C-alpha atoms as a PDB file:
ATOM      1  CA  GLU A   1      50.392  45.143  32.637  1.00  0.00           C
ATOM      2  CA  LEU A   2      49.249  46.048  29.168  1.00  0.00           C
ATOM      3  CA  PRO A   3      47.709  49.503  28.719  1.00  0.00           C
ATOM      4  CA  SER A   4      43.917  49.357  28.888  1.00  0.00           C
ATOM      5  CA  SER A   5      43.177  52.768  27.400  1.00  0.00           C
ATOM      6  CA  ALA A   6      41.028  52.904  24.283  1.00  0.00           C
ATOM      7  CA  VAL A   7      42.495  52.781  20.807  1.00  0.00           C
ATOM      8  CA  LYS A   8      42.977  56.267  19.391  1.00  0.00           C
ATOM      9  CA  ASN A   9      40.611  56.708  16.459  1.00  0.00           C
ATOM     10  CA  ASP A  10      43.218  58.237  14.158  1.00  0.00           C
ATOM     11  CA  LEU A  11      43.196  57.442  10.456  1.00  0.00           C
ATOM     12  CA  GLN A  12      45.340  54.359   9.797  1.00  0.00           C
ATOM     13  CA  LYS A  13      46.079  52.732   6.449  1.00  0.00           C
ATOM     14  CA  TYR A  14      47.477  49.236   5.951  1.00  0.00           C
ATOM     15  CA  ARG A  15      48.268  46.868   3.123  1.00  0.00           C
ATOM     16  CA  MET A  16      47.309  43.267   3.730  1.00  0.00           C
ATOM     17  CA  THR A  17      48.911  40.580   1.566  1.00  0.00           C
ATOM     18  CA  ALA A  18      48.120  36.866   1.722  1.00  0.00           C
ATOM     19  CA  VAL A  19      49.838  34.149  -0.309  1.00  0.00           C
ATOM     20  CA  TYR A  20      48.223  30.709  -0.591  1.00  0.00           C
ATOM     21  CA  THR A  21      50.510  27.869  -1.723  1.00  0.00           C
ATOM     22  CA  ASN A  22      48.901  24.567  -2.713  1.00  0.00           C
ATOM     23  CA  ARG A  23      50.646  21.193  -2.624  1.00  0.00           C
ATOM     24  CA  ASP A  24      49.558  17.586  -2.692  1.00  0.00           C
ATOM     25  CA  LEU A  25      50.115  15.328   0.320  1.00  0.00           C
ATOM     26  CA  TYR A  26      53.584  14.427  -0.957  1.00  0.00           C
ATOM     27  CA  GLY A  27      54.738  18.053  -1.074  1.00  0.00           C
ATOM     28  CA  ASN A  28      54.467  18.549  -4.835  1.00  0.00           C
ATOM     29  CA  PHE A  29      53.586  22.120  -5.790  1.00  0.00           C
ATOM     30  CA  THR A  30      50.262  22.511  -7.606  1.00  0.00           C
ATOM     31  CA  GLY A  31      49.640  26.274  -7.676  1.00  0.00           C
ATOM     32  CA  LYS A  32      49.618  29.518  -5.732  1.00  0.00           C
ATOM     33  CA  THR A  33      47.367  32.554  -5.236  1.00  0.00           C
ATOM     34  CA  LYS A  34      48.129  36.057  -3.993  1.00  0.00           C
ATOM     35  CA  VAL A  35      45.471  38.305  -2.483  1.00  0.00           C
ATOM     36  CA  SER A  36      46.175  41.902  -1.503  1.00  0.00           C
ATOM     37  CA  GLY A  37      44.216  44.977  -0.499  1.00  0.00           C
ATOM     38  CA  ASP A  38      44.473  48.389   1.129  1.00  0.00           C
ATOM     39  CA  TYR A  39      42.614  48.713   4.432  1.00  0.00           C
ATOM     40  CA  THR A  40      41.705  52.025   6.082  1.00  0.00           C
ATOM     41  CA  ARG A  41      40.368  52.374   9.618  1.00  0.00           C
ATOM     42  CA  GLY A  42      39.549  55.408  11.771  1.00  0.00           C
ATOM     43  CA  LEU A  43      36.850  56.661   9.415  1.00  0.00           C
ATOM     44  CA  GLU A  44      33.711  58.449  10.594  1.00  0.00           C
ATOM     45  CA  ASN A  45      31.360  56.400  12.799  1.00  0.00           C
ATOM     46  CA  SER A  46      34.065  53.743  13.416  1.00  0.00           C
ATOM     47  CA  GLN A  47      33.894  52.529   9.826  1.00  0.00           C
ATOM     48  CA  VAL A  48      36.659  50.824   7.848  1.00  0.00           C
ATOM     49  CA  ARG A  49      37.198  50.613   4.097  1.00  0.00           C
ATOM     50  CA  TRP A  50      38.844  48.365   1.483  1.00  0.00           C
ATOM     51  CA  ASN A  51      40.441  49.540  -1.764  1.00  0.00           C
ATOM     52  CA  ASN A  52      42.573  48.095  -4.539  1.00  0.00           C
ATOM     53  CA  VAL A  53      41.841  44.448  -3.704  1.00  0.00           C
ATOM     54  CA  ARG A  54      43.534  42.183  -6.232  1.00  0.00           C
ATOM     55  CA  ILE A  55      43.713  38.409  -6.746  1.00  0.00           C
ATOM     56  CA  ALA A  56      46.507  36.845  -8.783  1.00  0.00           C
ATOM     57  CA  GLY A  57      47.253  33.215  -9.550  1.00  0.00           C
ATOM     58  CA  SER A  58      50.303  31.361 -10.819  1.00  0.00           C
ATOM     59  CA  ASN A  59      51.257  27.790 -11.674  1.00  0.00           C
ATOM     60  CA  SER A  60      54.969  28.501 -11.184  1.00  0.00           C
ATOM     61  CA  PHE A  61      56.513  28.272  -7.735  1.00  0.00           C
ATOM     62  CA  SER A  62      59.583  30.390  -8.571  1.00  0.00           C
ATOM     63  CA  GLU A  63      58.168  33.072 -10.863  1.00  0.00           C
ATOM     64  CA  PRO A  64      56.662  36.280  -9.396  1.00  0.00           C
ATOM     65  CA  PHE A  65      52.942  36.850  -9.389  1.00  0.00           C
ATOM     66  CA  PRO A  66      51.298  38.925 -12.117  1.00  0.00           C
ATOM     67  CA  GLU A  67      49.550  42.143 -11.103  1.00  0.00           C
ATOM     68  CA  GLY A  68      46.281  40.321 -10.614  1.00  0.00           C
ATOM     69  CA  LYS A  69      42.679  41.195 -11.314  1.00  0.00           C
ATOM     70  CA  LYS A  70      41.160  44.054  -9.374  1.00  0.00           C
ATOM     71  CA  GLN A  71      38.033  43.033  -7.466  1.00  0.00           C
ATOM     72  CA  GLU A  72      35.784  45.953  -8.365  1.00  0.00           C
ATOM     73  CA  TYR A  73      32.973  44.793  -6.086  1.00  0.00           C
ATOM     74  CA  MET A  74      35.241  45.514  -3.093  1.00  0.00           C
ATOM     75  CA  GLU A  75      36.340  48.978  -4.178  1.00  0.00           C
ATOM     76  CA  ASN A  76      35.357  51.415  -1.386  1.00  0.00           C
ATOM     77  CA  MET A  77      33.625  48.634   0.558  1.00  0.00           C
ATOM     78  CA  THR A  78      32.830  50.264   3.905  1.00  0.00           C
ATOM     79  CA  TYR A  79      31.463  48.731   7.106  1.00  0.00           C
ATOM     80  CA  VAL A  80      31.729  48.706  10.889  1.00  0.00           C
ATOM     81  CA  PRO A  81      33.732  45.660  12.063  1.00  0.00           C
ATOM     82  CA  SER A  82      31.503  43.282  14.021  1.00  0.00           C
ATOM     83  CA  SER A  83      30.188  39.724  14.002  1.00  0.00           C
ATOM     84  CA  ASP A  84      27.659  40.902  11.399  1.00  0.00           C
ATOM     85  CA  MET A  85      30.466  40.512   8.853  1.00  0.00           C
ATOM     86  CA  LEU A  86      29.901  36.750   9.041  1.00  0.00           C
ATOM     87  CA  LYS A  87      26.353  37.118   7.714  1.00  0.00           C
ATOM     88  CA  GLN A  88      25.336  36.608   4.110  1.00  0.00           C
ATOM     89  CA  ASP A  89      23.737  40.071   3.846  1.00  0.00           C
ATOM     90  CA  ALA A  90      27.130  41.725   4.322  1.00  0.00           C
ATOM     91  CA  PHE A  91      28.273  40.283   0.986  1.00  0.00           C
ATOM     92  CA  LYS A  92      25.145  40.542  -1.133  1.00  0.00           C
ATOM     93  CA  ASP A  93      27.058  42.549  -3.763  1.00  0.00           C
ATOM     94  CA  PHE A  94      29.767  39.898  -4.162  1.00  0.00           C
ATOM     95  CA  PRO A  95      29.550  37.950  -7.449  1.00  0.00           C
ATOM     96  CA  ALA A  96      29.054  34.180  -7.371  1.00  0.00           C
ATOM     97  CA  SER A  97      32.599  32.906  -7.808  1.00  0.00           C
ATOM     98  CA  ALA A  98      34.913  30.364  -6.183  1.00  0.00           C
ATOM     99  CA  GLU A  99      37.498  33.172  -5.883  1.00  0.00           C
ATOM    100  CA  ASN A 100      35.239  34.960  -3.399  1.00  0.00           C
ATOM    101  CA  ILE A 101      36.622  32.866  -0.550  1.00  0.00           C
ATOM    102  CA  PHE A 102      39.929  34.730  -0.911  1.00  0.00           C
ATOM    103  CA  ALA A 103      38.228  38.128  -0.643  1.00  0.00           C
ATOM    104  CA  LEU A 104      36.140  36.954   2.304  1.00  0.00           C
ATOM    105  CA  ASN A 105      39.246  35.662   4.075  1.00  0.00           C
ATOM    106  CA  LEU A 106      40.874  39.070   3.645  1.00  0.00           C
ATOM    107  CA  ILE A 107      38.002  40.624   5.624  1.00  0.00           C
ATOM    108  CA  TRP A 108      37.749  37.868   8.232  1.00  0.00           C
ATOM    109  CA  ASP A 109      41.511  37.616   8.813  1.00  0.00           C
ATOM    110  CA  MET A 110      41.767  41.376   9.407  1.00  0.00           C
ATOM    111  CA  GLY A 111      38.874  41.168  11.859  1.00  0.00           C
ATOM    112  CA  ALA A 112      40.570  38.333  13.744  1.00  0.00           C
ATOM    113  CA  ILE A 113      43.918  40.152  13.901  1.00  0.00           C
ATOM    114  CA  GLU A 114      42.288  43.306  15.280  1.00  0.00           C
ATOM    115  CA  GLY A 115      40.212  41.331  17.752  1.00  0.00           C
ATOM    116  CA  PHE A 116      43.223  39.458  19.128  1.00  0.00           C
ATOM    117  CA  ALA A 117      45.090  42.782  19.378  1.00  0.00           C
ATOM    118  CA  TRP A 118      42.491  44.737  21.353  1.00  0.00           C
ATOM    119  CA  LEU A 119      39.739  42.682  22.947  1.00  0.00           C
ATOM    120  CA  TYR A 120      41.709  40.740  25.572  1.00  0.00           C
ATOM    121  CA  CYS A 121      44.399  43.110  26.867  1.00  0.00           C
ATOM    122  CA  ASP A 122      42.767  43.268  30.302  1.00  0.00           C
ATOM    123  CA  SER A 123      43.073  39.470  30.591  1.00  0.00           C
ATOM    124  CA  LEU A 124      46.620  38.936  29.317  1.00  0.00           C
ATOM    125  CA  LYS A 125      49.519  38.453  31.725  1.00  0.00           C
ATOM    126  CA  LEU A 126      53.163  38.337  30.654  1.00  0.00           C
ATOM    127  CA  ASN A 127      54.144  34.887  29.318  1.00  0.00           C
ATOM    128  CA  GLN A 128      50.914  33.279  30.539  1.00  0.00           C
ATOM    129  CA  LYS A 129      48.690  31.418  28.094  1.00  0.00           C
ATOM    130  CA  TYR A 130      45.134  32.731  27.894  1.00  0.00           C
ATOM    131  CA  VAL A 131      42.417  30.533  26.366  1.00  0.00           C
ATOM    132  CA  LEU A 132      39.446  32.360  24.892  1.00  0.00           C
ATOM    133  CA  LYS A 133      36.186  31.320  26.485  1.00  0.00           C
ATOM    134  CA  ASP A 134      33.578  29.829  24.139  1.00  0.00           C
ATOM    135  CA  SER A 135      36.124  29.808  21.316  1.00  0.00           C
ATOM    136  CA  SER A 136      35.132  26.239  20.419  1.00  0.00           C
ATOM    137  CA  GLU A 137      31.644  27.208  19.265  1.00  0.00           C
ATOM    138  CA  GLU A 138      30.766  26.506  15.626  1.00  0.00           C
ATOM    139  CA  PHE A 139      29.722  29.432  13.441  1.00  0.00           C
ATOM    140  CA  GLU A 140      28.479  29.925   9.896  1.00  0.00           C
ATOM    141  CA  MET A 141      30.684  31.751   7.380  1.00  0.00           C
ATOM    142  CA  SER A 142      28.280  33.828   5.294  1.00  0.00           C
ATOM    143  CA  ASP A 143      26.443  31.247   3.148  1.00  0.00           C
ATOM    144  CA  ILE A 144      29.474  29.247   2.055  1.00  0.00           C
ATOM    145  CA  GLY A 145      30.149  26.927   4.981  1.00  0.00           C
ATOM    146  CA  ASN A 146      30.848  26.354   8.659  1.00  0.00           C
ATOM    147  CA  TYR A 147      33.874  26.712  10.932  1.00  0.00           C
ATOM    148  CA  LYS A 148      34.536  25.295  14.379  1.00  0.00           C
ATOM    149  CA  HIS A 149      37.568  26.228  16.477  1.00  0.00           C
ATOM    150  CA  ASN A 150      39.082  23.651  18.772  1.00  0.00           C
ATOM    151  CA  SER A 151      40.427  26.449  20.987  1.00  0.00           C
ATOM    152  CA  ILE A 152      42.126  29.831  20.587  1.00  0.00           C
ATOM    153  CA  GLN A 153      45.123  30.691  22.762  1.00  0.00           C
ATOM    154  CA  LEU A 154      46.709  34.115  23.221  1.00  0.00           C
ATOM    155  CA  CYS A 155      49.934  35.098  24.952  1.00  0.00           C
ATOM    156  CA  TRP A 156      51.550  38.460  25.621  1.00  0.00           C
ATOM    157  CA  THR A 157      55.225  37.596  25.163  1.00  0.00           C
ATOM    158  CA  GLY A 158      56.868  40.948  25.875  1.00  0.00           C
ATOM    159  CA  ILE A 159      57.720  44.476  24.764  1.00  0.00           C
ATOM    160  CA  SER A 160      59.766  45.074  21.625  1.00  0.00           C
ATOM    161  CA  ALA A 161      60.831  47.980  19.436  1.00  0.00           C
ATOM    162  CA  PHE A 162      59.288  48.022  15.978  1.00  0.00           C
ATOM    163  CA  GLY A 163      61.055  50.766  14.069  1.00  0.00           C
ATOM    164  CA  ASN A 164      61.342  53.520  16.668  1.00  0.00           C
ATOM    165  CA  ARG A 165      58.115  52.626  18.477  1.00  0.00           C
ATOM    166  CA  LEU A 166      57.707  50.495  21.600  1.00  0.00           C
ATOM    167  CA  CYS A 167      55.160  47.757  21.030  1.00  0.00           C
ATOM    168  CA  ALA A 168      53.478  44.982  22.942  1.00  0.00           C
ATOM    169  CA  VAL A 169      53.979  41.622  21.225  1.00  0.00           C
ATOM    170  CA  ILE A 170      50.861  39.429  21.182  1.00  0.00           C
ATOM    171  CA  GLU A 171      51.014  35.856  19.891  1.00  0.00           C
ATOM    172  CA  TYR A 172      48.039  33.601  19.166  1.00  0.00           C
ATOM    173  CA  ARG A 173      47.356  30.125  17.845  1.00  0.00           C
ATOM    174  CA  ALA A 174      44.396  27.944  16.957  1.00  0.00           C
ATOM    175  CA  VAL A 175      44.925  24.321  15.951  1.00  0.00           C
ATOM    176  CA  ASP A 176      42.762  21.398  14.821  1.00  0.00           C
ATOM    177  CA  ASN A 177      39.910  23.613  13.639  1.00  0.00           C
ATOM    178  CA  ILE A 178      37.220  21.962  11.510  1.00  0.00           C
ATOM    179  CA  MET A 179      35.882  23.604   8.371  1.00  0.00           C
ATOM    180  CA  SER A 180      33.536  22.797   5.508  1.00  0.00           C
ATOM    181  CA  LEU A 181      32.659  24.798   2.408  1.00  0.00           C
ATOM    182  CA  SER A 182      29.859  24.351  -0.099  1.00  0.00           C
ATOM    183  CA  MET A 183      29.858  26.311  -3.368  1.00  0.00           C
ATOM    184  CA  ASP A 184      28.255  25.948  -6.792  1.00  0.00           C
ATOM    185  CA  GLN A 185      31.024  23.889  -8.362  1.00  0.00           C
ATOM    186  CA  MET A 186      32.904  22.594  -5.341  1.00  0.00           C
ATOM    187  CA  ASN A 187      32.514  21.146  -1.840  1.00  0.00           C
ATOM    188  CA  THR A 188      35.355  20.821   0.655  1.00  0.00           C
ATOM    189  CA  LYS A 189      35.905  19.612   4.193  1.00  0.00           C
ATOM    190  CA  GLY A 190      39.002  19.441   6.326  1.00  0.00           C
ATOM    191  CA  THR A 191      41.018  20.914   9.168  1.00  0.00           C
ATOM    192  CA  GLU A 192      42.965  24.138   9.635  1.00  0.00           C
ATOM    193  CA  GLN A 193      45.554  25.513  12.031  1.00  0.00           C
ATOM    194  CA  TYR A 194      46.720  29.103  12.173  1.00  0.00           C
ATOM    195  CA  TRP A 195      49.018  31.181  14.346  1.00  0.00           C
ATOM    196  CA  GLY A 196      50.527  34.639  14.280  1.00  0.00           C
ATOM    197  CA  THR A 197      52.111  37.633  15.968  1.00  0.00           C
ATOM    198  CA  THR A 198      50.967  41.254  16.239  1.00  0.00           C
ATOM    199  CA  TRP A 199      52.973  44.312  17.294  1.00  0.00           C
ATOM    200  CA  ILE A 200      50.782  46.916  19.065  1.00  0.00           C
ATOM    201  CA  ASN A 201      51.966  50.482  19.634  1.00  0.00           C
ATOM    202  CA  LEU A 202      51.996  51.079  23.412  1.00  0.00           C
ATOM    203  CA  GLU A 203      51.161  54.768  22.997  1.00  0.00           C
ATOM    204  CA  THR A 204      48.405  54.731  20.373  1.00  0.00           C
ATOM    205  CA  ARG A 205      47.268  51.070  20.761  1.00  0.00           C
ATOM    206  CA  GLN A 206      47.278  50.868  16.965  1.00  0.00           C
ATOM    207  CA  ILE A 207      48.689  47.876  15.111  1.00  0.00           C
ATOM    208  CA  GLU A 208      52.162  48.555  13.749  1.00  0.00           C
ATOM    209  CA  TYR A 209      52.640  45.206  11.996  1.00  0.00           C
ATOM    210  CA  ALA A 210      51.083  41.750  11.987  1.00  0.00           C
ATOM    211  CA  GLU A 211      51.744  38.378  10.439  1.00  0.00           C
ATOM    212  CA  MET A 212      49.726  35.186  10.308  1.00  0.00           C
ATOM    213  CA  TYR A 213      50.498  31.696   9.091  1.00  0.00           C
ATOM    214  CA  GLY A 214      48.023  28.936   8.460  1.00  0.00           C
ATOM    215  CA  GLY A 215      47.698  25.478   6.994  1.00  0.00           C
ATOM    216  CA  THR A 216      44.744  23.413   5.831  1.00  0.00           C
ATOM    217  CA  ILE A 217      44.270  19.818   4.727  1.00  0.00           C
ATOM    218  CA  GLN A 218      41.112  19.505   2.653  1.00  0.00           C
ATOM    219  CA  GLU A 219      39.196  16.871   0.760  1.00  0.00           C
ATOM    220  CA  ILE A 220      37.816  18.601  -2.319  1.00  0.00           C
ATOM    221  CA  GLU A 221      34.938  17.400  -4.479  1.00  0.00           C
ATOM    222  CA  VAL A 222      34.574  19.187  -7.830  1.00  0.00           C
ATOM    223  CA  LYS A 223      31.411  18.762  -9.880  1.00  0.00           C
ATOM    224  CA  GLY A 224      32.114  16.854 -13.077  1.00  0.00           C
ATOM    225  CA  PHE A 225      35.039  14.908 -11.589  1.00  0.00           C
ATOM    226  CA  LYS A 226      34.596  11.357 -10.319  1.00  0.00           C
ATOM    227  CA  ASP A 227      37.485  11.359  -7.835  1.00  0.00           C
ATOM    228  CA  LYS A 228      38.006  13.612  -4.838  1.00  0.00           C
ATOM    229  CA  PHE A 229      41.237  15.534  -4.274  1.00  0.00           C
ATOM    230  CA  LEU A 230      43.348  15.917  -1.152  1.00  0.00           C
ATOM    231  CA  VAL A 231      45.058  19.323  -0.998  1.00  0.00           C
ATOM    232  CA  LYS A 232      47.371  20.962   1.512  1.00  0.00           C
ATOM    233  CA  THR A 233      47.321  24.775   1.501  1.00  0.00           C
ATOM    234  CA  ILE A 234      49.765  27.039   3.331  1.00  0.00           C
ATOM    235  CA  ARG A 235      48.689  30.664   3.925  1.00  0.00           C
ATOM    236  CA  GLU A 236      51.248  33.367   4.695  1.00  0.00           C
ATOM    237  CA  LEU A 237      49.789  36.744   5.555  1.00  0.00           C
ATOM    238  CA  ARG A 238      51.214  40.109   6.607  1.00  0.00           C
ATOM    239  CA  VAL A 239      49.714  43.483   7.517  1.00  0.00           C
ATOM    240  CA  GLU A 240      51.979  46.470   6.883  1.00  0.00           C
ATOM    241  CA  LYS A 241      51.256  50.077   7.810  1.00  0.00           C
ATOM    242  CA  ILE A 242      51.344  52.428   4.797  1.00  0.00           C
ATOM    243  CA  GLN A 243      50.132  55.572   6.650  1.00  0.00           C
END
């Protein structure tokens, strides 16, 4: 059985990096975006904090990303992780920009990774699929759109060494999810699937490393353009401990 003791509230620092690669339906590359940020948890009153969040774009598949623009509105952003981070009030200081979806995803993806790591350990059995109850409910993402999971499945697949630490390996997947976004200059609708793996320290219950992969197919309507666009986006995300 997985350990059910509480997570030790020690200070932990991570770097999250997400790369979005856009292609058309025939596989032709159309652009890429990199989002990164430093995430600290274990602060006073169970708070977490973001620093050094940067967004960089490139129209070259092979060339490295530039340093990217620092998102000053997220510097020292502090909050207690909860479902309240889906509400519009949590992001009242964010500027009105289409790039905001990348910063919001950074927050929401980290919340999902931590939730899958800690909230269901009492229910997971080795190599047995566990389906989250009520995971198919639709919810609103701040004020930019809606998201509806088809289902979310978790599986504890074993114990593995990560570095010199023994870790539980938790895998998850969610496929055929429906999403829609509405912003000032753009509306989108489509489907998403995502899956990933998290390594959880058996002694401290802290996350040692995590990775997530996702893919969306979206119909995009841009104001000022007559035709709609079909875009496939692949997201590759990793969470690395830096302290």
